[in-house]
Amino acid sequence: MSAGCCHNEEFDGTSPVFRRALWIVIAINAAMFVVEMAAGAAARSQALKADALDFIGDAATYGLSLWVIGKPAIWRANAALLKAASLFLMGGFILALALYRAVFATAPDATVMGGIAILALVANLVSVLILMRWRNGDANVRSVWLCSRNDAIGNIAVFGSAGLVALTGTHWPDVAVAALMAGLFVSSAVQILTQALGERRHAAAHASAGE
């Protein structure tokens, strides 16, 4: 990747190419949410359901990112703050489901888990490759990259947990992966929150100076 693609920290998404990329990735994520949530219910896999929530969260994130492109910096920073809050909430929800499953669950269907995890991984790798050149933009743009990265990591983890479920015959690997994914959501939320707050302060100071 060239230096010109990787070091433009101020890129705000105002590019027709970036917009088209977002629309493609939105379609991929929405379709995979439906597939993976249905598979998670059929396989009794909390990790698959957690990853499905990541897909729909990403689709909503990308839609919000499209909406604020070209708007004032304060709008984009506030949108990033909203997305950080949604990641915090999703992380907490997934962790709660993982804890519930730790007490009230049987081993999921490892075959379904593994097959769907491979399909989801392919979808997410395509998304990651599409968005990689814009991974260092402003908080709004960066949140798109972080969500895509989370998906790819989550799919690898789900695939690994499927193998461990098959080996151990227990639900604990599935629970552990769901908990780890919750932690990944929170970590990404903190990164987006920190950058967005900085950009919000900068935008407010710039607006005050212009008065």
N, C-alpha and C. Protein backbone atom coordinates (compact mmCIF):
# COMPACT_ATOMS: atom_id res chain seq x y z
N MET A 1 0.84 -1.19 0.00
CA MET A 1 0.00 0.00 0.00
C MET A 1 0.88 1.23 0.00
N SER A 2 0.57 2.19 -0.81
CA SER A 2 1.42 3.36 -0.93
C SER A 2 1.26 4.26 0.26
N ALA A 3 2.28 5.11 0.49
CA ALA A 3 2.22 6.04 1.61
C ALA A 3 1.06 7.00 1.46
N GLY A 4 0.74 7.35 0.24
CA GLY A 4 -0.35 8.28 0.02
C GLY A 4 -1.68 7.75 0.47
N CYS A 5 -1.85 6.43 0.48
CA CYS A 5 -3.12 5.84 0.92
C CYS A 5 -3.17 5.71 2.44
N CYS A 6 -2.04 5.54 3.05
CA CYS A 6 -2.03 5.15 4.45
C CYS A 6 -1.85 6.30 5.42
N HIS A 7 -1.43 7.50 4.98
CA HIS A 7 -1.09 8.52 5.94
C HIS A 7 -1.98 9.76 5.85
N ASN A 8 -3.09 9.67 5.11
CA ASN A 8 -3.99 10.79 5.04
C ASN A 8 -4.98 10.71 6.20
N GLU A 9 -4.54 11.22 7.36
CA GLU A 9 -5.33 11.09 8.58
C GLU A 9 -6.63 11.91 8.51
N GLU A 10 -6.72 12.89 7.59
CA GLU A 10 -7.86 13.78 7.55
C GLU A 10 -8.89 13.37 6.51
N PHE A 11 -8.71 12.24 5.85
CA PHE A 11 -9.67 11.83 4.83
C PHE A 11 -11.05 11.69 5.46
N ASP A 12 -12.05 12.38 4.89
CA ASP A 12 -13.38 12.42 5.49
C ASP A 12 -14.42 11.63 4.72
N GLY A 13 -13.98 10.86 3.71
CA GLY A 13 -14.92 10.02 2.98
C GLY A 13 -15.51 10.65 1.74
N THR A 14 -15.18 11.92 1.47
CA THR A 14 -15.77 12.59 0.32
C THR A 14 -15.10 12.14 -0.98
N SER A 15 -15.43 10.95 -1.38
CA SER A 15 -14.89 10.36 -2.60
C SER A 15 -15.94 9.42 -3.18
N PRO A 16 -16.27 9.56 -4.47
CA PRO A 16 -17.24 8.64 -5.09
C PRO A 16 -16.81 7.18 -4.98
N VAL A 17 -15.51 6.94 -5.06
CA VAL A 17 -15.01 5.57 -4.96
C VAL A 17 -15.30 5.02 -3.56
N PHE A 18 -15.07 5.82 -2.53
CA PHE A 18 -15.33 5.38 -1.16
C PHE A 18 -16.82 5.13 -0.95
N ARG A 19 -17.65 5.99 -1.50
CA ARG A 19 -19.11 5.79 -1.37
C ARG A 19 -19.55 4.47 -2.01
N ARG A 20 -19.05 4.20 -3.20
CA ARG A 20 -19.40 2.94 -3.87
C ARG A 20 -18.92 1.75 -3.05
N ALA A 21 -17.72 1.86 -2.50
CA ALA A 21 -17.18 0.78 -1.67
C ALA A 21 -18.09 0.52 -0.47
N LEU A 22 -18.57 1.59 0.15
CA LEU A 22 -19.46 1.43 1.31
C LEU A 22 -20.77 0.74 0.92
N TRP A 23 -21.34 1.11 -0.21
CA TRP A 23 -22.59 0.47 -0.63
C TRP A 23 -22.39 -1.03 -0.85
N ILE A 24 -21.28 -1.40 -1.45
CA ILE A 24 -20.99 -2.82 -1.68
C ILE A 24 -20.87 -3.56 -0.36
N VAL A 25 -20.14 -2.96 0.57
CA VAL A 25 -19.92 -3.61 1.86
C VAL A 25 -21.21 -3.66 2.69
N ILE A 26 -22.05 -2.65 2.58
CA ILE A 26 -23.35 -2.68 3.26
C ILE A 26 -24.17 -3.89 2.78
N ALA A 27 -24.20 -4.11 1.49
CA ALA A 27 -24.96 -5.24 0.93
C ALA A 27 -24.40 -6.56 1.42
N ILE A 28 -23.08 -6.69 1.46
CA ILE A 28 -22.45 -7.92 1.94
C ILE A 28 -22.82 -8.19 3.39
N ASN A 29 -22.72 -7.16 4.23
CA ASN A 29 -22.99 -7.33 5.65
C ASN A 29 -24.45 -7.63 5.95
N ALA A 30 -25.36 -6.97 5.25
CA ALA A 30 -26.79 -7.22 5.47
C ALA A 30 -27.15 -8.66 5.10
N ALA A 31 -26.62 -9.13 3.99
CA ALA A 31 -26.90 -10.51 3.56
C ALA A 31 -26.33 -11.51 4.55
N MET A 32 -25.12 -11.28 5.03
CA MET A 32 -24.49 -12.22 5.95
C MET A 32 -25.16 -12.21 7.33
N PHE A 33 -25.76 -11.09 7.73
CA PHE A 33 -26.50 -11.07 9.00
C PHE A 33 -27.64 -12.08 8.95
N VAL A 34 -28.40 -12.05 7.86
CA VAL A 34 -29.54 -12.97 7.73
C VAL A 34 -29.06 -14.41 7.74
N VAL A 35 -28.03 -14.71 6.96
CA VAL A 35 -27.52 -16.08 6.86
C VAL A 35 -26.98 -16.56 8.20
N GLU A 36 -26.17 -15.72 8.86
CA GLU A 36 -25.49 -16.19 10.06
C GLU A 36 -26.42 -16.25 11.27
N MET A 37 -27.38 -15.35 11.37
CA MET A 37 -28.32 -15.42 12.48
C MET A 37 -29.17 -16.69 12.38
N ALA A 38 -29.62 -17.02 11.17
CA ALA A 38 -30.40 -18.24 10.98
C ALA A 38 -29.55 -19.47 11.29
N ALA A 39 -28.30 -19.46 10.85
CA ALA A 39 -27.41 -20.59 11.13
C ALA A 39 -27.09 -20.69 12.62
N GLY A 40 -26.93 -19.55 13.28
CA GLY A 40 -26.66 -19.56 14.71
C GLY A 40 -27.80 -20.17 15.50
N ALA A 41 -29.04 -19.86 15.10
CA ALA A 41 -30.19 -20.43 15.77
C ALA A 41 -30.27 -21.93 15.51
N ALA A 42 -30.02 -22.34 14.27
CA ALA A 42 -30.08 -23.76 13.92
C ALA A 42 -28.99 -24.56 14.61
N ALA A 43 -27.79 -23.97 14.73
CA ALA A 43 -26.65 -24.69 15.32
C ALA A 43 -26.55 -24.49 16.84
N ARG A 44 -27.43 -23.65 17.41
CA ARG A 44 -27.38 -23.32 18.84
C ARG A 44 -26.01 -22.74 19.22
N SER A 45 -25.50 -21.88 18.34
CA SER A 45 -24.17 -21.29 18.54
C SER A 45 -24.27 -19.82 18.90
N GLN A 46 -23.82 -19.48 20.13
CA GLN A 46 -23.82 -18.09 20.53
C GLN A 46 -22.75 -17.29 19.79
N ALA A 47 -21.65 -17.95 19.44
CA ALA A 47 -20.59 -17.26 18.69
C ALA A 47 -21.10 -16.84 17.32
N LEU A 48 -21.87 -17.70 16.65
CA LEU A 48 -22.42 -17.33 15.34
C LEU A 48 -23.42 -16.18 15.48
N LYS A 49 -24.24 -16.22 16.51
CA LYS A 49 -25.20 -15.13 16.72
C LYS A 49 -24.47 -13.82 17.01
N ALA A 50 -23.40 -13.91 17.81
CA ALA A 50 -22.61 -12.72 18.11
C ALA A 50 -22.01 -12.14 16.84
N ASP A 51 -21.52 -13.00 15.98
CA ASP A 51 -20.92 -12.54 14.73
C ASP A 51 -21.98 -11.97 13.80
N ALA A 52 -23.19 -12.54 13.84
CA ALA A 52 -24.29 -12.00 13.04
C ALA A 52 -24.64 -10.59 13.49
N LEU A 53 -24.66 -10.36 14.80
CA LEU A 53 -24.91 -9.02 15.31
C LEU A 53 -23.83 -8.05 14.86
N ASP A 54 -22.61 -8.55 14.76
CA ASP A 54 -21.52 -7.71 14.25
C ASP A 54 -21.79 -7.30 12.81
N PHE A 55 -22.32 -8.23 12.02
CA PHE A 55 -22.64 -7.91 10.63
C PHE A 55 -23.69 -6.81 10.52
N ILE A 56 -24.78 -6.95 11.27
CA ILE A 56 -25.85 -5.94 11.15
C ILE A 56 -25.41 -4.62 11.76
N GLY A 57 -24.57 -4.70 12.81
CA GLY A 57 -24.02 -3.47 13.38
C GLY A 57 -23.15 -2.74 12.37
N ASP A 58 -22.38 -3.52 11.61
CA ASP A 58 -21.53 -2.92 10.59
C ASP A 58 -22.38 -2.28 9.48
N ALA A 59 -23.43 -2.98 9.06
CA ALA A 59 -24.29 -2.44 8.00
C ALA A 59 -24.88 -1.09 8.43
N ALA A 60 -25.32 -1.01 9.69
CA ALA A 60 -25.86 0.25 10.21
C ALA A 60 -24.76 1.31 10.30
N THR A 61 -23.58 0.89 10.73
CA THR A 61 -22.45 1.82 10.83
C THR A 61 -22.09 2.41 9.48
N TYR A 62 -22.04 1.56 8.46
CA TYR A 62 -21.69 2.04 7.13
C TYR A 62 -22.77 2.97 6.58
N GLY A 63 -24.04 2.66 6.89
CA GLY A 63 -25.12 3.54 6.45
C GLY A 63 -25.01 4.92 7.09
N LEU A 64 -24.70 4.95 8.38
CA LEU A 64 -24.51 6.22 9.07
C LEU A 64 -23.30 6.96 8.51
N SER A 65 -22.25 6.21 8.21
CA SER A 65 -21.04 6.83 7.64
C SER A 65 -21.37 7.50 6.31
N LEU A 66 -22.17 6.83 5.48
CA LEU A 66 -22.57 7.42 4.20
C LEU A 66 -23.36 8.71 4.41
N TRP A 67 -24.23 8.71 5.38
CA TRP A 67 -25.11 9.85 5.62
C TRP A 67 -24.34 11.11 6.02
N VAL A 68 -23.28 10.94 6.83
CA VAL A 68 -22.56 12.13 7.33
C VAL A 68 -21.41 12.56 6.43
N ILE A 69 -21.11 11.79 5.37
CA ILE A 69 -20.03 12.20 4.46
C ILE A 69 -20.37 13.56 3.86
N GLY A 70 -19.41 14.47 3.91
CA GLY A 70 -19.59 15.81 3.36
C GLY A 70 -20.21 16.79 4.32
N LYS A 71 -20.68 16.31 5.48
CA LYS A 71 -21.25 17.20 6.48
C LYS A 71 -20.12 17.79 7.35
N PRO A 72 -20.40 18.82 8.14
CA PRO A 72 -19.37 19.44 8.98
C PRO A 72 -18.67 18.43 9.88
N ALA A 73 -17.42 18.75 10.26
CA ALA A 73 -16.61 17.84 11.06
C ALA A 73 -17.29 17.46 12.37
N ILE A 74 -18.01 18.40 12.96
CA ILE A 74 -18.68 18.12 14.24
C ILE A 74 -19.75 17.05 14.06
N TRP A 75 -20.42 17.04 12.91
CA TRP A 75 -21.42 16.01 12.62
C TRP A 75 -20.76 14.64 12.50
N ARG A 76 -19.64 14.60 11.77
CA ARG A 76 -18.94 13.33 11.58
C ARG A 76 -18.41 12.79 12.89
N ALA A 77 -17.90 13.69 13.74
CA ALA A 77 -17.39 13.26 15.05
C ALA A 77 -18.53 12.74 15.92
N ASN A 78 -19.68 13.42 15.88
CA ASN A 78 -20.83 12.96 16.67
C ASN A 78 -21.34 11.61 16.17
N ALA A 79 -21.30 11.40 14.85
CA ALA A 79 -21.70 10.11 14.30
C ALA A 79 -20.77 9.01 14.79
N ALA A 80 -19.48 9.30 14.83
CA ALA A 80 -18.51 8.33 15.33
C ALA A 80 -18.77 8.03 16.81
N LEU A 81 -19.14 9.04 17.59
CA LEU A 81 -19.47 8.82 19.00
C LEU A 81 -20.67 7.90 19.14
N LEU A 82 -21.65 8.10 18.27
CA LEU A 82 -22.84 7.23 18.29
C LEU A 82 -22.46 5.79 17.98
N LYS A 83 -21.57 5.62 17.01
CA LYS A 83 -21.14 4.27 16.65
C LYS A 83 -20.33 3.64 17.77
N ALA A 84 -19.52 4.43 18.47
CA ALA A 84 -18.78 3.91 19.61
C ALA A 84 -19.74 3.42 20.70
N ALA A 85 -20.79 4.21 20.94
CA ALA A 85 -21.78 3.81 21.94
C ALA A 85 -22.48 2.51 21.54
N SER A 86 -22.78 2.37 20.24
CA SER A 86 -23.45 1.14 19.78
C SER A 86 -22.53 -0.07 19.95
N LEU A 87 -21.24 0.12 19.74
CA LEU A 87 -20.29 -0.99 19.93
C LEU A 87 -20.21 -1.38 21.40
N PHE A 88 -20.24 -0.39 22.29
CA PHE A 88 -20.26 -0.69 23.72
C PHE A 88 -21.49 -1.53 24.07
N LEU A 89 -22.65 -1.12 23.56
CA LEU A 89 -23.90 -1.82 23.86
C LEU A 89 -23.88 -3.24 23.29
N MET A 90 -23.40 -3.39 22.07
CA MET A 90 -23.35 -4.71 21.47
C MET A 90 -22.39 -5.62 22.22
N GLY A 91 -21.25 -5.05 22.64
CA GLY A 91 -20.30 -5.84 23.42
C GLY A 91 -20.92 -6.34 24.71
N GLY A 92 -21.65 -5.45 25.40
CA GLY A 92 -22.32 -5.85 26.64
C GLY A 92 -23.38 -6.90 26.41
N PHE A 93 -24.15 -6.74 25.33
CA PHE A 93 -25.21 -7.71 25.01
C PHE A 93 -24.63 -9.08 24.70
N ILE A 94 -23.57 -9.11 23.91
CA ILE A 94 -22.95 -10.38 23.55
C ILE A 94 -22.36 -11.06 24.79
N LEU A 95 -21.74 -10.26 25.66
CA LEU A 95 -21.18 -10.83 26.89
C LEU A 95 -22.28 -11.42 27.77
N ALA A 96 -23.42 -10.73 27.84
CA ALA A 96 -24.54 -11.24 28.64
C ALA A 96 -25.05 -12.56 28.06
N LEU A 97 -25.15 -12.64 26.75
CA LEU A 97 -25.59 -13.88 26.13
C LEU A 97 -24.58 -15.01 26.35
N ALA A 98 -23.30 -14.66 26.31
CA ALA A 98 -22.28 -15.68 26.55
C ALA A 98 -22.37 -16.22 27.97
N LEU A 99 -22.61 -15.33 28.94
CA LEU A 99 -22.75 -15.76 30.33
C LEU A 99 -23.98 -16.64 30.50
N TYR A 100 -25.07 -16.26 29.83
CA TYR A 100 -26.28 -17.09 29.90
C TYR A 100 -26.01 -18.47 29.32
N ARG A 101 -25.32 -18.48 28.19
CA ARG A 101 -25.03 -19.76 27.54
C ARG A 101 -24.11 -20.62 28.38
N ALA A 102 -23.24 -19.99 29.16
CA ALA A 102 -22.33 -20.75 30.00
C ALA A 102 -23.09 -21.58 31.04
N VAL A 103 -24.28 -21.12 31.40
CA VAL A 103 -25.08 -21.80 32.43
C VAL A 103 -26.17 -22.66 31.81
N PHE A 104 -26.83 -22.16 30.79
CA PHE A 104 -28.00 -22.84 30.22
C PHE A 104 -27.77 -23.18 28.75
N ALA A 105 -26.91 -24.14 28.48
CA ALA A 105 -26.64 -24.46 27.07
C ALA A 105 -26.07 -25.86 26.91
N THR A 106 -26.24 -26.37 25.71
CA THR A 106 -25.59 -27.61 25.30
C THR A 106 -24.59 -27.28 24.21
N ALA A 107 -23.78 -28.25 23.84
CA ALA A 107 -22.77 -28.01 22.81
C ALA A 107 -23.43 -27.68 21.47
N PRO A 108 -22.95 -26.64 20.78
CA PRO A 108 -23.53 -26.30 19.46
C PRO A 108 -23.11 -27.29 18.39
N ASP A 109 -23.71 -27.15 17.21
CA ASP A 109 -23.38 -28.00 16.07
C ASP A 109 -22.10 -27.48 15.43
N ALA A 110 -21.00 -28.19 15.65
CA ALA A 110 -19.69 -27.73 15.19
C ALA A 110 -19.61 -27.70 13.66
N THR A 111 -20.30 -28.62 12.99
CA THR A 111 -20.24 -28.67 11.52
C THR A 111 -20.85 -27.41 10.91
N VAL A 112 -22.04 -27.04 11.39
CA VAL A 112 -22.68 -25.82 10.90
C VAL A 112 -21.84 -24.60 11.24
N MET A 113 -21.32 -24.57 12.48
CA MET A 113 -20.48 -23.44 12.89
C MET A 113 -19.31 -23.25 11.95
N GLY A 114 -18.61 -24.34 11.66
CA GLY A 114 -17.42 -24.25 10.81
C GLY A 114 -17.74 -23.82 9.40
N GLY A 115 -18.81 -24.39 8.83
CA GLY A 115 -19.18 -24.05 7.46
C GLY A 115 -19.58 -22.60 7.31
N ILE A 116 -20.40 -22.10 8.23
CA ILE A 116 -20.84 -20.71 8.15
C ILE A 116 -19.69 -19.77 8.44
N ALA A 117 -18.81 -20.16 9.36
CA ALA A 117 -17.65 -19.31 9.68
C ALA A 117 -16.77 -19.10 8.44
N ILE A 118 -16.60 -20.15 7.64
CA ILE A 118 -15.79 -20.03 6.42
C ILE A 118 -16.47 -19.07 5.43
N LEU A 119 -17.79 -19.22 5.26
CA LEU A 119 -18.53 -18.33 4.36
C LEU A 119 -18.43 -16.89 4.83
N ALA A 120 -18.60 -16.67 6.13
CA ALA A 120 -18.53 -15.32 6.68
C ALA A 120 -17.13 -14.73 6.56
N LEU A 121 -16.12 -15.58 6.75
CA LEU A 121 -14.74 -15.11 6.64
C LEU A 121 -14.46 -14.62 5.22
N VAL A 122 -14.93 -15.36 4.22
CA VAL A 122 -14.73 -14.94 2.82
C VAL A 122 -15.40 -13.59 2.59
N ALA A 123 -16.64 -13.43 3.09
CA ALA A 123 -17.36 -12.17 2.92
C ALA A 123 -16.61 -11.02 3.57
N ASN A 124 -16.06 -11.28 4.76
CA ASN A 124 -15.38 -10.22 5.49
C ASN A 124 -14.01 -9.89 4.90
N LEU A 125 -13.33 -10.89 4.40
CA LEU A 125 -12.04 -10.61 3.76
C LEU A 125 -12.25 -9.75 2.52
N VAL A 126 -13.32 -10.00 1.78
CA VAL A 126 -13.64 -9.15 0.63
C VAL A 126 -13.88 -7.72 1.09
N SER A 127 -14.65 -7.56 2.19
CA SER A 127 -14.93 -6.23 2.71
C SER A 127 -13.66 -5.53 3.17
N VAL A 128 -12.80 -6.28 3.87
CA VAL A 128 -11.55 -5.71 4.36
C VAL A 128 -10.68 -5.23 3.21
N LEU A 129 -10.58 -6.04 2.17
CA LEU A 129 -9.77 -5.66 1.01
C LEU A 129 -10.34 -4.42 0.31
N ILE A 130 -11.66 -4.33 0.25
CA ILE A 130 -12.30 -3.18 -0.38
C ILE A 130 -11.99 -1.90 0.40
N LEU A 131 -12.00 -1.99 1.74
CA LEU A 131 -11.90 -0.80 2.58
C LEU A 131 -10.49 -0.48 3.08
N MET A 132 -9.54 -1.36 2.84
CA MET A 132 -8.22 -1.22 3.45
C MET A 132 -7.54 0.11 3.14
N ARG A 133 -7.70 0.62 1.95
CA ARG A 133 -6.99 1.84 1.56
C ARG A 133 -7.46 3.06 2.33
N TRP A 134 -8.64 2.96 3.00
CA TRP A 134 -9.17 4.09 3.75
C TRP A 134 -9.13 3.86 5.27
N ARG A 135 -8.28 2.98 5.74
CA ARG A 135 -8.30 2.60 7.16
C ARG A 135 -7.78 3.70 8.10
N ASN A 136 -7.14 4.74 7.58
CA ASN A 136 -6.56 5.76 8.45
C ASN A 136 -7.19 7.13 8.24
N GLY A 137 -8.48 7.17 8.00
CA GLY A 137 -9.16 8.44 7.83
C GLY A 137 -9.60 9.03 9.16
N ASP A 138 -10.60 9.91 9.12
CA ASP A 138 -11.11 10.49 10.37
C ASP A 138 -11.89 9.42 11.14
N ALA A 139 -12.43 9.80 12.31
CA ALA A 139 -13.08 8.81 13.18
C ALA A 139 -14.23 8.12 12.47
N ASN A 140 -14.97 8.86 11.65
CA ASN A 140 -16.09 8.27 10.93
C ASN A 140 -15.61 7.21 9.95
N VAL A 141 -14.57 7.54 9.18
CA VAL A 141 -14.02 6.59 8.20
C VAL A 141 -13.32 5.43 8.90
N ARG A 142 -12.56 5.74 9.94
CA ARG A 142 -11.81 4.70 10.65
C ARG A 142 -12.74 3.68 11.30
N SER A 143 -13.89 4.14 11.77
CA SER A 143 -14.83 3.21 12.40
C SER A 143 -15.29 2.14 11.42
N VAL A 144 -15.38 2.51 10.14
CA VAL A 144 -15.75 1.55 9.10
C VAL A 144 -14.69 0.45 9.00
N TRP A 145 -13.44 0.87 8.98
CA TRP A 145 -12.34 -0.09 8.90
C TRP A 145 -12.32 -1.01 10.13
N LEU A 146 -12.47 -0.44 11.32
CA LEU A 146 -12.40 -1.23 12.55
C LEU A 146 -13.52 -2.27 12.59
N CYS A 147 -14.70 -1.90 12.15
CA CYS A 147 -15.81 -2.86 12.14
C CYS A 147 -15.53 -4.01 11.18
N SER A 148 -14.97 -3.71 10.02
CA SER A 148 -14.64 -4.76 9.05
C SER A 148 -13.55 -5.67 9.60
N ARG A 149 -12.55 -5.07 10.24
CA ARG A 149 -11.48 -5.87 10.84
C ARG A 149 -12.04 -6.78 11.92
N ASN A 150 -12.95 -6.25 12.74
CA ASN A 150 -13.56 -7.05 13.79
C ASN A 150 -14.25 -8.28 13.23
N ASP A 151 -14.95 -8.08 12.12
CA ASP A 151 -15.66 -9.20 11.50
C ASP A 151 -14.71 -10.31 11.08
N ALA A 152 -13.62 -9.91 10.42
CA ALA A 152 -12.67 -10.92 9.95
C ALA A 152 -12.05 -11.68 11.12
N ILE A 153 -11.66 -10.97 12.17
CA ILE A 153 -11.10 -11.61 13.36
C ILE A 153 -12.13 -12.53 14.00
N GLY A 154 -13.37 -12.04 14.06
CA GLY A 154 -14.43 -12.84 14.68
C GLY A 154 -14.69 -14.13 13.92
N ASN A 155 -14.66 -14.07 12.61
CA ASN A 155 -14.89 -15.28 11.82
C ASN A 155 -13.79 -16.31 12.01
N ILE A 156 -12.55 -15.85 12.08
CA ILE A 156 -11.45 -16.77 12.35
C ILE A 156 -11.63 -17.42 13.72
N ALA A 157 -12.04 -16.61 14.70
CA ALA A 157 -12.25 -17.13 16.05
C ALA A 157 -13.39 -18.14 16.10
N VAL A 158 -14.49 -17.85 15.38
CA VAL A 158 -15.63 -18.78 15.35
C VAL A 158 -15.22 -20.10 14.71
N PHE A 159 -14.44 -20.01 13.63
CA PHE A 159 -13.98 -21.23 12.97
C PHE A 159 -13.12 -22.05 13.92
N GLY A 160 -12.24 -21.37 14.66
CA GLY A 160 -11.40 -22.07 15.63
C GLY A 160 -12.23 -22.70 16.75
N SER A 161 -13.24 -21.97 17.21
CA SER A 161 -14.08 -22.51 18.28
C SER A 161 -14.88 -23.72 17.80
N ALA A 162 -15.26 -23.72 16.52
CA ALA A 162 -15.98 -24.88 15.98
C ALA A 162 -15.12 -26.14 16.08
N GLY A 163 -13.83 -26.00 15.75
CA GLY A 163 -12.93 -27.14 15.88
C GLY A 163 -12.79 -27.60 17.31
N LEU A 164 -12.70 -26.64 18.24
CA LEU A 164 -12.57 -26.99 19.66
C LEU A 164 -13.85 -27.61 20.21
N VAL A 165 -14.99 -27.14 19.72
CA VAL A 165 -16.27 -27.75 20.13
C VAL A 165 -16.32 -29.20 19.68
N ALA A 166 -15.88 -29.45 18.44
CA ALA A 166 -15.87 -30.82 17.92
C ALA A 166 -14.91 -31.70 18.72
N LEU A 167 -13.77 -31.14 19.12
CA LEU A 167 -12.78 -31.92 19.86
C LEU A 167 -13.22 -32.20 21.30
N THR A 168 -13.79 -31.19 21.94
CA THR A 168 -14.13 -31.33 23.36
C THR A 168 -15.54 -31.83 23.61
N GLY A 169 -16.44 -31.61 22.64
CA GLY A 169 -17.83 -32.01 22.84
C GLY A 169 -18.56 -31.15 23.85
N THR A 170 -18.01 -29.96 24.14
CA THR A 170 -18.65 -29.04 25.09
C THR A 170 -18.93 -27.70 24.42
N HIS A 171 -19.69 -26.87 25.12
CA HIS A 171 -20.04 -25.55 24.60
C HIS A 171 -19.07 -24.47 25.03
N TRP A 172 -18.08 -24.80 25.85
CA TRP A 172 -17.20 -23.78 26.42
C TRP A 172 -16.38 -23.02 25.38
N PRO A 173 -15.85 -23.66 24.34
CA PRO A 173 -15.13 -22.86 23.33
C PRO A 173 -16.03 -21.82 22.66
N ASP A 174 -17.30 -22.18 22.43
CA ASP A 174 -18.26 -21.25 21.84
C ASP A 174 -18.49 -20.07 22.77
N VAL A 175 -18.63 -20.34 24.05
CA VAL A 175 -18.83 -19.28 25.05
C VAL A 175 -17.61 -18.38 25.11
N ALA A 176 -16.42 -18.97 25.12
CA ALA A 176 -15.19 -18.20 25.22
C ALA A 176 -15.01 -17.25 24.04
N VAL A 177 -15.31 -17.74 22.83
CA VAL A 177 -15.17 -16.90 21.65
C VAL A 177 -16.17 -15.75 21.68
N ALA A 178 -17.40 -16.02 22.11
CA ALA A 178 -18.39 -14.94 22.21
C ALA A 178 -17.91 -13.87 23.19
N ALA A 179 -17.32 -14.30 24.31
CA ALA A 179 -16.80 -13.35 25.30
C ALA A 179 -15.64 -12.54 24.72
N LEU A 180 -14.75 -13.20 23.98
CA LEU A 180 -13.63 -12.50 23.36
C LEU A 180 -14.11 -11.48 22.33
N MET A 181 -15.15 -11.84 21.58
CA MET A 181 -15.70 -10.91 20.61
C MET A 181 -16.32 -9.70 21.30
N ALA A 182 -16.94 -9.92 22.46
CA ALA A 182 -17.48 -8.80 23.23
C ALA A 182 -16.34 -7.84 23.61
N GLY A 183 -15.21 -8.41 24.01
CA GLY A 183 -14.05 -7.59 24.35
C GLY A 183 -13.53 -6.82 23.15
N LEU A 184 -13.58 -7.44 21.98
CA LEU A 184 -13.13 -6.77 20.76
C LEU A 184 -14.03 -5.58 20.43
N PHE A 185 -15.34 -5.75 20.62
CA PHE A 185 -16.28 -4.64 20.41
C PHE A 185 -15.91 -3.47 21.31
N VAL A 186 -15.69 -3.76 22.60
CA VAL A 186 -15.38 -2.70 23.56
C VAL A 186 -14.07 -2.01 23.22
N SER A 187 -13.06 -2.79 22.83
CA SER A 187 -11.77 -2.22 22.46
C SER A 187 -11.91 -1.27 21.26
N SER A 188 -12.66 -1.69 20.25
CA SER A 188 -12.87 -0.84 19.09
C SER A 188 -13.65 0.42 19.46
N ALA A 189 -14.63 0.25 20.35
CA ALA A 189 -15.42 1.40 20.79
C ALA A 189 -14.55 2.44 21.48
N VAL A 190 -13.61 1.98 22.29
CA VAL A 190 -12.70 2.89 22.99
C VAL A 190 -11.83 3.66 21.98
N GLN A 191 -11.33 2.96 20.97
CA GLN A 191 -10.50 3.62 19.95
C GLN A 191 -11.29 4.68 19.20
N ILE A 192 -12.51 4.32 18.78
CA ILE A 192 -13.34 5.28 18.04
C ILE A 192 -13.72 6.45 18.93
N LEU A 193 -14.08 6.16 20.19
CA LEU A 193 -14.48 7.20 21.13
C LEU A 193 -13.35 8.19 21.34
N THR A 194 -12.14 7.70 21.55
CA THR A 194 -10.99 8.57 21.80
C THR A 194 -10.73 9.49 20.61
N GLN A 195 -10.72 8.92 19.40
CA GLN A 195 -10.46 9.73 18.21
C GLN A 195 -11.59 10.72 17.96
N ALA A 196 -12.83 10.27 18.13
CA ALA A 196 -13.98 11.14 17.86
C ALA A 196 -14.03 12.32 18.83
N LEU A 197 -13.72 12.08 20.10
CA LEU A 197 -13.72 13.17 21.07
C LEU A 197 -12.66 14.21 20.72
N GLY A 198 -11.48 13.72 20.27
CA GLY A 198 -10.44 14.65 19.86
C GLY A 198 -10.86 15.48 18.66
N GLU A 199 -11.50 14.84 17.68
CA GLU A 199 -11.95 15.56 16.50
C GLU A 199 -13.09 16.53 16.84
N ARG A 200 -13.92 16.14 17.80
CA ARG A 200 -15.01 17.01 18.21
C ARG A 200 -14.47 18.27 18.88
N ARG A 201 -13.47 18.10 19.74
CA ARG A 201 -12.86 19.26 20.39
C ARG A 201 -12.20 20.17 19.35
N HIS A 202 -11.52 19.56 18.39
CA HIS A 202 -10.85 20.35 17.35
C HIS A 202 -11.86 21.11 16.51
N ALA A 203 -12.97 20.45 16.16
CA ALA A 203 -14.00 21.11 15.35
C ALA A 203 -14.64 22.26 16.11
N ALA A 204 -14.87 22.04 17.42
CA ALA A 204 -15.47 23.10 18.24
C ALA A 204 -14.53 24.29 18.37
N ALA A 205 -13.24 24.02 18.56
CA ALA A 205 -12.26 25.09 18.68
C ALA A 205 -12.13 25.86 17.37
N HIS A 206 -12.18 25.13 16.25
CA HIS A 206 -12.07 25.77 14.94
C HIS A 206 -13.30 26.65 14.70
N ALA A 207 -14.48 26.17 15.10
CA ALA A 207 -15.69 26.96 14.92
C ALA A 207 -15.66 28.23 15.77
N SER A 208 -15.13 28.11 17.00
CA SER A 208 -15.04 29.26 17.89
C SER A 208 -14.07 30.29 17.34
N ALA A 209 -12.97 29.81 16.76
CA ALA A 209 -11.96 30.71 16.21
C ALA A 209 -12.49 31.46 14.99
N GLY A 210 -13.43 30.84 14.29
CA GLY A 210 -13.97 31.45 13.08
C GLY A 210 -15.07 32.47 13.36
N GLU A 211 -15.53 32.51 14.61
CA GLU A 211 -16.62 33.44 14.94
C GLU A 211 -16.12 34.90 15.00
